[in-house]
Amino acid sequence: MSTKALGERSVAIGNNNEAQSTGSITLGVGYSDGNAATGLKQTLAITGYEYNMAIGAGAQSAGNSSIAMGTLATSSIKNQGDAVDKAIAIGYSAGVSDNKAIAIGSDAKSNSKSASALGDTAQALANDALAIGT
């Protein structure tokens, strides 16, 4: 599997990962759940955004100055197709999908602007919301 640093001043370390944008960083390996039909999920700092970071097997970061850290962690594009900027997802399958959102914990999700979810399976689903616990 290949490792590619494609953006200007980008860094890619591991296998089956790509740092696609200016100043982006990837550190990790492709993720496989053992099912050949689903294939290998790349670790990606997705193109079109600057200074995004993906660390962990299958982690993916889409958004300017956003971080996805942990196996299958994601900083993803909002439903309207806009970038998710300054968002942070940390933990196994943690996910953020709006500006300045934070999700920390296994399967924690934050899908609204400036919302924070802290804890396993915590969910912050409204603007400026705070969810703590499991």
Protein backbone atom coordinates (compact mmCIF):
# COMPACT_ATOMS: atom_id res chain seq x y z
CA MET A 1 0.00 0.00 0.00
CA SER A 2 1.19 3.49 -0.70
CA THR A 3 1.84 6.50 1.47
CA LYS A 4 1.64 9.88 -0.23
CA ALA A 5 2.33 13.44 0.89
CA LEU A 6 0.60 15.25 -1.97
CA GLY A 7 0.10 18.77 -0.61
CA GLU A 8 2.69 21.47 -0.23
CA ARG A 9 4.42 21.14 3.19
CA SER A 10 2.40 17.98 3.95
CA VAL A 11 3.61 14.89 5.84
CA ALA A 12 2.46 11.26 5.49
CA ILE A 13 3.80 8.46 7.70
CA GLY A 14 2.66 4.82 7.68
CA ASN A 15 1.00 2.80 4.94
CA ASN A 16 -2.14 3.29 2.90
CA ASN A 17 -2.50 6.95 3.85
CA GLU A 18 -2.47 10.30 2.06
CA ALA A 19 -1.84 13.87 3.17
CA GLN A 20 -3.59 15.54 0.26
CA SER A 21 -3.61 19.26 1.17
CA THR A 22 -1.33 22.14 2.08
CA GLY A 23 0.18 21.58 5.51
CA SER A 24 -1.81 18.39 6.11
CA ILE A 25 -0.54 15.48 8.21
CA THR A 26 -1.42 11.79 8.20
CA LEU A 27 0.01 9.19 10.54
CA GLY A 28 -1.39 5.69 10.45
CA VAL A 29 -2.35 2.74 8.36
CA GLY A 30 -5.34 1.63 6.35
CA TYR A 31 -8.11 0.06 8.43
CA SER A 32 -9.55 -3.35 7.68
CA ASP A 33 -12.43 -4.99 9.52
CA GLY A 34 -11.41 -8.34 8.07
CA ASN A 35 -14.19 -8.32 5.47
CA ALA A 36 -12.66 -8.49 1.99
CA ALA A 37 -15.81 -6.99 0.45
CA THR A 38 -15.44 -3.69 2.34
CA GLY A 39 -11.76 -3.40 1.55
CA LEU A 40 -9.25 -1.17 3.28
CA LYS A 41 -10.22 2.32 4.52
CA GLN A 42 -7.39 4.81 3.98
CA THR A 43 -6.13 7.26 6.56
CA LEU A 44 -6.70 10.63 4.85
CA ALA A 45 -6.22 14.35 5.33
CA ILE A 46 -8.64 15.14 2.51
CA THR A 47 -7.85 17.48 -0.37
CA GLY A 48 -9.33 20.95 -0.59
CA TYR A 49 -8.64 21.88 3.04
CA GLU A 50 -5.55 23.30 4.72
CA TYR A 51 -3.70 22.16 7.82
CA ASN A 52 -5.96 19.20 8.56
CA MET A 53 -4.69 16.14 10.41
CA ALA A 54 -5.67 12.45 10.48
CA ILE A 55 -3.97 10.13 12.96
CA GLY A 56 -4.95 6.48 13.38
CA ALA A 57 -6.06 3.51 11.30
CA GLY A 58 -8.72 4.71 8.85
CA ALA A 59 -8.97 8.20 10.38
CA GLN A 60 -10.17 10.87 7.92
CA SER A 61 -10.15 14.65 8.23
CA ALA A 62 -12.06 17.02 5.92
CA GLY A 63 -11.92 20.63 7.04
CA ASN A 64 -9.50 23.48 7.53
CA SER A 65 -7.44 23.17 10.73
CA SER A 66 -9.46 20.08 11.76
CA ILE A 67 -8.22 16.96 13.56
CA ALA A 68 -9.37 13.33 13.47
CA MET A 69 -7.40 11.17 15.89
CA GLY A 70 -8.17 7.53 16.61
CA THR A 71 -9.15 4.44 14.67
CA LEU A 72 -11.95 5.43 12.24
CA ALA A 73 -12.22 8.96 13.72
CA THR A 74 -13.70 11.49 11.27
CA SER A 75 -13.98 15.18 10.71
CA SER A 76 -16.49 15.18 7.88
CA ILE A 77 -18.24 17.56 5.51
CA LYS A 78 -21.53 19.05 6.73
CA ASN A 79 -24.80 18.00 5.11
CA GLN A 80 -24.87 21.17 3.02
CA GLY A 81 -21.44 20.25 1.61
CA ASP A 82 -19.60 23.01 3.48
CA ALA A 83 -16.22 22.47 5.08
CA VAL A 84 -15.99 21.62 8.77
CA ASP A 85 -13.40 24.04 10.14
CA LYS A 86 -11.52 23.94 13.45
CA ALA A 87 -13.24 20.72 14.54
CA ILE A 88 -11.73 17.94 16.69
CA ALA A 89 -12.63 14.23 16.90
CA ILE A 90 -10.61 12.04 19.28
CA GLY A 91 -11.35 8.38 19.98
CA TYR A 92 -12.42 5.20 18.24
CA SER A 93 -15.04 6.13 15.63
CA ALA A 94 -15.46 9.62 17.12
CA GLY A 95 -17.00 12.05 14.64
CA VAL A 96 -17.58 15.77 14.13
CA SER A 97 -19.57 17.36 11.32
CA ASP A 98 -19.83 21.11 11.94
CA ASN A 99 -17.55 24.07 12.64
CA LYS A 100 -15.71 24.15 15.97
CA ALA A 101 -17.38 20.89 17.06
CA ILE A 102 -15.59 18.60 19.52
CA ALA A 103 -16.12 14.87 20.10
CA ILE A 104 -13.92 13.01 22.55
CA GLY A 105 -14.57 9.35 23.38
CA SER A 106 -15.34 6.08 21.68
CA ASP A 107 -18.23 6.66 19.25
CA ALA A 108 -18.75 10.25 20.51
CA LYS A 109 -20.57 12.46 17.95
CA SER A 110 -20.93 16.21 17.62
CA ASN A 111 -22.86 17.43 14.57
CA SER A 112 -23.64 21.07 15.37
CA LYS A 113 -21.68 24.32 15.49
CA SER A 114 -19.54 24.73 18.63
CA ALA A 115 -21.10 21.62 20.21
CA SER A 116 -19.04 19.34 22.46
CA ALA A 117 -19.56 15.64 23.21
CA LEU A 118 -17.32 14.11 25.89
CA GLY A 119 -17.55 10.44 26.81
CA ASP A 120 -18.25 7.07 25.21
CA THR A 121 -21.23 7.36 22.83
CA ALA A 122 -21.94 10.95 23.99
CA GLN A 123 -23.84 13.04 21.41
CA ALA A 124 -24.06 16.83 21.10
CA LEU A 125 -26.72 17.52 18.48
CA ALA A 126 -27.59 21.24 18.74
CA ASN A 127 -25.57 24.45 18.35
CA ASP A 128 -23.45 25.20 21.43
CA ALA A 129 -24.67 22.00 23.15
CA LEU A 130 -22.59 20.15 25.73
CA ALA A 131 -22.97 16.42 26.40
CA ILE A 132 -20.85 14.74 29.07
CA GLY A 133 -21.05 11.05 29.99
CA THR A 134 -22.08 7.85 28.32
